Amino acid sequence: MNLQHIIDTIRGQPVIAIGVVAAVLAILCVALAAWVERLKDRLHVAQAAAEDAAKAAALAAPGGIDPDVVVQLLRTGERPTLDAVYTTMQQRAGEGGQRPR
């Protein structure tokens, strides 16, 4: 069985060649979908760990930083810098009718 024999078979039976290509692509699609699901699970675990770390850091930080504000900033994709945290805390306090100390 040489390369010329394989080429002749593909030319003579194009439906079989297309079927083989379709089967290989289907297997790749299933494998990639399973891989994506595993990565999503790992992402959720990492996100929960990041939120726990942010809460712990906010509780340990001076100035009474609200850990929920830090988590809110993380969930919206903003960087939880001190300026962003204090601005968000002031906005929350303004909405609630209170001023932060």
Protein backbone atom coordinates (compact mmCIF):
# COMPACT_ATOMS: atom_id res chain seq x y z
CA MET A 1 0.00 0.00 0.00
CA ASN A 2 1.67 3.16 -1.19
CA LEU A 3 0.67 6.79 -1.47
CA GLN A 4 -0.52 6.44 -5.07
CA HIS A 5 -2.91 3.67 -4.03
CA ILE A 6 -4.39 5.91 -1.27
CA ILE A 7 -4.80 8.81 -3.71
CA ASP A 8 -6.53 6.57 -6.24
CA THR A 9 -8.88 5.26 -3.56
CA ILE A 10 -9.79 8.81 -2.48
CA ARG A 11 -10.41 9.83 -6.09
CA GLY A 12 -12.52 6.77 -6.71
CA GLN A 13 -14.53 7.01 -3.47
CA PRO A 14 -14.86 10.71 -2.53
CA VAL A 15 -17.87 10.02 -0.30
CA ILE A 16 -15.77 7.78 1.94
CA ALA A 17 -13.04 10.45 2.16
CA ILE A 18 -15.57 13.12 3.12
CA GLY A 19 -17.10 10.75 5.68
CA VAL A 20 -13.70 10.12 7.25
CA VAL A 21 -12.98 13.86 7.41
CA ALA A 22 -16.40 14.48 8.96
CA ALA A 23 -15.85 11.75 11.56
CA VAL A 24 -12.44 13.14 12.50
CA LEU A 25 -13.88 16.65 12.82
CA ALA A 26 -16.75 15.36 14.97
CA ILE A 27 -14.31 13.62 17.31
CA LEU A 28 -12.25 16.82 17.55
CA CYS A 29 -15.37 18.84 18.28
CA VAL A 30 -16.42 16.53 21.11
CA ALA A 31 -12.92 16.53 22.57
CA LEU A 32 -12.71 20.33 22.46
CA ALA A 33 -16.16 20.72 24.02
CA ALA A 34 -15.14 18.45 26.91
CA TRP A 35 -11.91 20.41 27.33
CA VAL A 36 -13.82 23.71 27.45
CA GLU A 37 -16.14 22.35 30.15
CA ARG A 38 -13.17 21.30 32.29
CA LEU A 39 -11.63 24.75 31.85
CA LYS A 40 -14.91 26.42 32.84
CA ASP A 41 -14.97 24.38 36.05
CA ARG A 42 -11.40 25.42 36.80
CA LEU A 43 -12.30 29.05 36.06
CA HIS A 44 -15.16 29.00 38.57
CA VAL A 45 -12.87 27.54 41.23
CA ALA A 46 -10.21 30.17 40.52
CA GLN A 47 -12.78 32.97 40.55
CA ALA A 48 -14.12 31.85 43.92
CA ALA A 49 -10.58 31.70 45.30
CA ALA A 50 -9.86 35.20 43.99
CA GLU A 51 -13.01 36.55 45.60
CA ASP A 52 -12.11 34.92 48.93
CA ALA A 53 -8.62 36.39 48.74
CA ALA A 54 -10.02 39.83 47.91
CA LYS A 55 -12.38 39.67 50.86
CA ALA A 56 -9.55 38.64 53.18
CA ALA A 57 -7.33 41.42 51.88
CA ALA A 58 -10.11 43.99 52.24
CA LEU A 59 -10.76 42.94 55.82
CA ALA A 60 -7.06 43.23 56.61
CA ALA A 61 -6.64 46.60 54.89
CA PRO A 62 -6.68 49.80 56.92
CA GLY A 63 -9.52 52.24 56.45
CA GLY A 64 -12.49 49.92 56.69
CA ILE A 65 -12.72 48.67 53.12
CA ASP A 66 -15.96 46.83 52.43
CA PRO A 67 -15.12 43.35 51.07
CA ASP A 68 -18.36 43.28 49.07
CA VAL A 69 -17.23 46.34 47.13
CA VAL A 70 -13.98 44.61 46.21
CA VAL A 71 -15.88 41.53 45.02
CA GLN A 72 -18.27 43.75 43.05
CA LEU A 73 -15.33 45.41 41.30
CA LEU A 74 -13.81 42.02 40.47
CA ARG A 75 -17.08 40.77 39.02
CA THR A 76 -17.48 43.82 36.80
CA GLY A 77 -13.92 43.41 35.51
CA GLU A 78 -12.54 46.57 37.07
CA ARG A 79 -9.23 46.61 38.88
CA PRO A 80 -9.83 46.79 42.64
CA THR A 81 -7.44 49.65 43.33
CA LEU A 82 -7.86 51.69 46.49
CA ASP A 83 -9.19 54.63 44.47
CA ALA A 84 -11.79 52.48 42.72
CA VAL A 85 -12.83 50.84 46.00
CA TYR A 86 -13.20 54.14 47.84
CA THR A 87 -15.11 55.70 44.92
CA THR A 88 -17.51 52.77 44.81
CA MET A 89 -17.93 52.86 48.58
CA GLN A 90 -18.74 56.59 48.42
CA GLN A 91 -21.27 55.96 45.65
CA ARG A 92 -22.91 53.24 47.72
CA ALA A 93 -22.97 55.48 50.76
CA GLY A 94 -24.50 58.28 48.71
CA GLU A 95 -27.24 55.96 47.47
CA GLY A 96 -27.95 54.78 51.02
CA GLY A 97 -28.01 58.30 52.44
CA GLN A 98 -24.87 57.70 54.54
CA ARG A 99 -21.39 59.08 54.28
CA PRO A 100 -18.32 56.88 54.85
CA ARG A 101 -16.14 57.82 57.78
